[in-house]
Amino acid sequence: SDINNFTLAGAIDVDYRTAMRVMGLISVSISLILIYLITCKTPLASRYRANCVAVQLCFLLFDVHWCFLFVPLLPLPYFAVYCTGLMCSTLKVDVHYHMIFMLLMATETFAWFFICMLQRHQALIPMNSNCHCSLVLFKYGFLMVGREI
């Protein structure tokens, strides 16, 4: 067995870290390209792209934390997390803090995604539709989602 008293074989640990770094490099490079493409000035650009940049920055922070700083390893079938990332190995940051940060990042990503969808919904429906939110209601919804962040 590769798992013995919550310790893993060295080869599995090294292979896993290498795979996470490769996935992280691919994900971070795609996120940076998307941020560049979103921020490019075009004649049809709108304020909507600022929210898209916020969502993409949340994805970027999540990927950097997950693939480089935290790098969780789940020794299944046990319900545990083994941290092999930079923050755990050098600064000895506890796994619980990483899990709390991941929960906050997931919540913030959802909130910005919801704001983007709400703004796009308001831009696409006709002004005389009964589904159209007033400016006061839209700002109230924005504040409620922002409060959750």
Protein backbone atom coordinates (compact mmCIF):
# COMPACT_ATOMS: atom_id res chain seq x y z
CA SER A 1 0.00 0.00 0.00
CA ASP A 2 1.15 3.53 -0.77
CA ILE A 3 -0.48 4.94 2.35
CA ASN A 4 0.95 3.92 5.70
CA ASN A 5 -0.01 5.85 8.86
CA PHE A 6 -0.96 8.96 6.86
CA THR A 7 2.40 9.07 5.10
CA LEU A 8 2.66 8.76 1.34
CA ALA A 9 5.28 7.26 -0.87
CA GLY A 10 7.78 9.92 -1.94
CA ALA A 11 7.25 9.27 -5.65
CA ILE A 12 3.51 9.91 -5.40
CA ASP A 13 4.08 13.15 -3.51
CA VAL A 14 6.62 14.43 -6.06
CA ASP A 15 4.47 13.40 -9.04
CA TYR A 16 1.43 15.07 -7.52
CA ARG A 17 3.29 18.33 -6.85
CA THR A 18 4.67 18.32 -10.40
CA ALA A 19 1.21 17.74 -11.87
CA MET A 20 -0.27 20.53 -9.74
CA ARG A 21 2.47 22.94 -10.83
CA VAL A 22 1.88 22.12 -14.50
CA MET A 23 -1.88 22.56 -14.12
CA GLY A 24 -1.28 25.79 -12.21
CA LEU A 25 1.00 27.21 -14.89
CA ILE A 26 -1.53 26.38 -17.60
CA SER A 27 -4.43 27.83 -15.61
CA VAL A 28 -2.57 31.01 -14.59
CA SER A 29 -1.38 31.65 -18.14
CA ILE A 30 -4.91 31.21 -19.52
CA SER A 31 -6.28 33.53 -16.81
CA LEU A 32 -3.70 36.21 -17.61
CA ILE A 33 -4.49 35.96 -21.33
CA LEU A 34 -8.21 36.29 -20.59
CA ILE A 35 -7.65 39.30 -18.34
CA TYR A 36 -5.62 40.93 -21.11
CA LEU A 37 -8.32 40.19 -23.70
CA ILE A 38 -11.08 41.50 -21.43
CA THR A 39 -9.24 44.73 -20.66
CA CYS A 40 -8.39 45.51 -24.30
CA LYS A 41 -10.12 48.67 -25.47
CA THR A 42 -12.69 48.03 -28.16
CA PRO A 43 -15.40 50.29 -29.57
CA LEU A 44 -18.14 48.05 -28.17
CA ALA A 45 -16.62 47.64 -24.69
CA SER A 46 -18.87 48.37 -21.73
CA ARG A 47 -18.69 48.64 -17.98
CA TYR A 48 -19.59 44.96 -17.86
CA ARG A 49 -15.98 44.02 -18.55
CA ALA A 50 -14.86 45.42 -15.17
CA ASN A 51 -17.01 42.78 -13.48
CA CYS A 52 -15.63 40.13 -15.84
CA VAL A 53 -12.11 41.15 -14.81
CA ALA A 54 -13.12 40.81 -11.14
CA VAL A 55 -14.41 37.27 -11.76
CA GLN A 56 -11.26 36.36 -13.65
CA LEU A 57 -9.06 37.78 -10.87
CA CYS A 58 -10.95 35.60 -8.38
CA PHE A 59 -10.22 32.58 -10.58
CA LEU A 60 -6.57 33.62 -10.79
CA LEU A 61 -6.21 33.99 -7.00
CA PHE A 62 -7.96 30.66 -6.48
CA ASP A 63 -5.64 28.89 -8.93
CA VAL A 64 -2.45 30.42 -7.50
CA HIS A 65 -3.48 29.48 -3.99
CA TRP A 66 -4.66 25.97 -4.91
CA CYS A 67 -1.81 24.98 -7.25
CA PHE A 68 1.22 26.69 -5.68
CA LEU A 69 0.61 27.88 -2.12
CA PHE A 70 -1.73 25.21 -0.71
CA VAL A 71 -1.43 22.09 -2.95
CA PRO A 72 -3.76 19.84 -0.95
CA LEU A 73 -3.29 16.10 -1.11
CA LEU A 74 -6.21 13.95 -0.03
CA PRO A 75 -5.04 10.58 1.35
CA LEU A 76 -8.23 8.72 0.47
CA PRO A 77 -10.10 6.81 1.91
CA TYR A 78 -9.22 8.82 5.03
CA PHE A 79 -11.03 12.11 5.62
CA ALA A 80 -7.98 14.34 5.89
CA VAL A 81 -5.97 16.92 3.95
CA TYR A 82 -2.22 16.77 3.60
CA CYS A 83 -0.75 20.13 2.56
CA THR A 84 2.35 20.05 0.35
CA GLY A 85 2.40 23.64 -0.88
CA LEU A 86 4.80 26.51 -0.38
CA MET A 87 2.86 28.10 2.50
CA CYS A 88 2.69 24.81 4.41
CA SER A 89 6.26 23.69 3.87
CA THR A 90 8.11 26.98 4.41
CA LEU A 91 5.88 29.21 6.55
CA LYS A 92 4.09 26.36 8.37
CA VAL A 93 0.63 27.87 7.84
CA ASP A 94 -2.04 25.57 9.24
CA VAL A 95 -4.31 23.70 6.82
CA HIS A 96 -7.42 25.15 8.48
CA TYR A 97 -6.45 28.68 7.44
CA HIS A 98 -6.07 27.51 3.85
CA MET A 99 -9.49 25.88 3.91
CA ILE A 100 -11.08 29.06 5.28
CA PHE A 101 -9.36 31.11 2.57
CA MET A 102 -10.60 28.68 -0.09
CA LEU A 103 -14.16 29.02 1.22
CA LEU A 104 -13.90 32.82 1.13
CA MET A 105 -12.50 32.75 -2.41
CA ALA A 106 -15.28 30.44 -3.59
CA THR A 107 -17.89 32.75 -2.03
CA GLU A 108 -16.34 35.83 -3.58
CA THR A 109 -16.13 34.16 -6.99
CA PHE A 110 -19.80 33.21 -6.79
CA ALA A 111 -20.76 36.74 -5.71
CA TRP A 112 -18.95 38.39 -8.63
CA PHE A 113 -20.37 35.82 -11.05
CA PHE A 114 -23.87 36.58 -9.73
CA ILE A 115 -23.27 40.31 -10.14
CA CYS A 116 -22.14 39.74 -13.74
CA MET A 117 -25.22 37.67 -14.53
CA LEU A 118 -27.53 40.22 -12.91
CA GLN A 119 -25.95 43.07 -14.86
CA ARG A 120 -26.15 41.12 -18.13
CA HIS A 121 -29.78 40.22 -17.40
CA GLN A 122 -30.64 43.87 -16.86
CA ALA A 123 -28.90 44.90 -20.08
CA LEU A 124 -30.67 42.33 -22.27
CA ILE A 125 -34.31 42.64 -21.24
CA PRO A 126 -36.47 45.48 -22.59
CA MET A 127 -37.03 48.53 -20.41
CA ASN A 128 -40.82 48.01 -20.32
CA SER A 129 -40.54 44.39 -19.13
CA ASN A 130 -41.91 43.48 -15.71
CA CYS A 131 -38.68 41.51 -15.07
CA HIS A 132 -36.59 44.68 -15.22
CA CYS A 133 -35.22 45.76 -11.82
CA SER A 134 -35.24 49.39 -10.85
CA LEU A 135 -31.91 51.07 -10.18
CA VAL A 136 -32.64 51.12 -6.44
CA LEU A 137 -33.38 47.37 -6.40
CA PHE A 138 -30.27 46.63 -8.47
CA LYS A 139 -28.06 48.63 -6.08
CA TYR A 140 -29.70 46.92 -3.09
CA GLY A 141 -28.97 43.50 -4.62
CA PHE A 142 -25.39 44.58 -5.30
CA LEU A 143 -24.98 45.64 -1.66
CA MET A 144 -26.49 42.38 -0.37
CA VAL A 145 -24.12 40.28 -2.48
CA GLY A 146 -21.20 42.54 -1.54
CA ARG A 147 -22.08 42.12 2.12
CA GLU A 148 -21.72 38.35 1.74
CA ILE A 149 -18.16 38.84 0.48
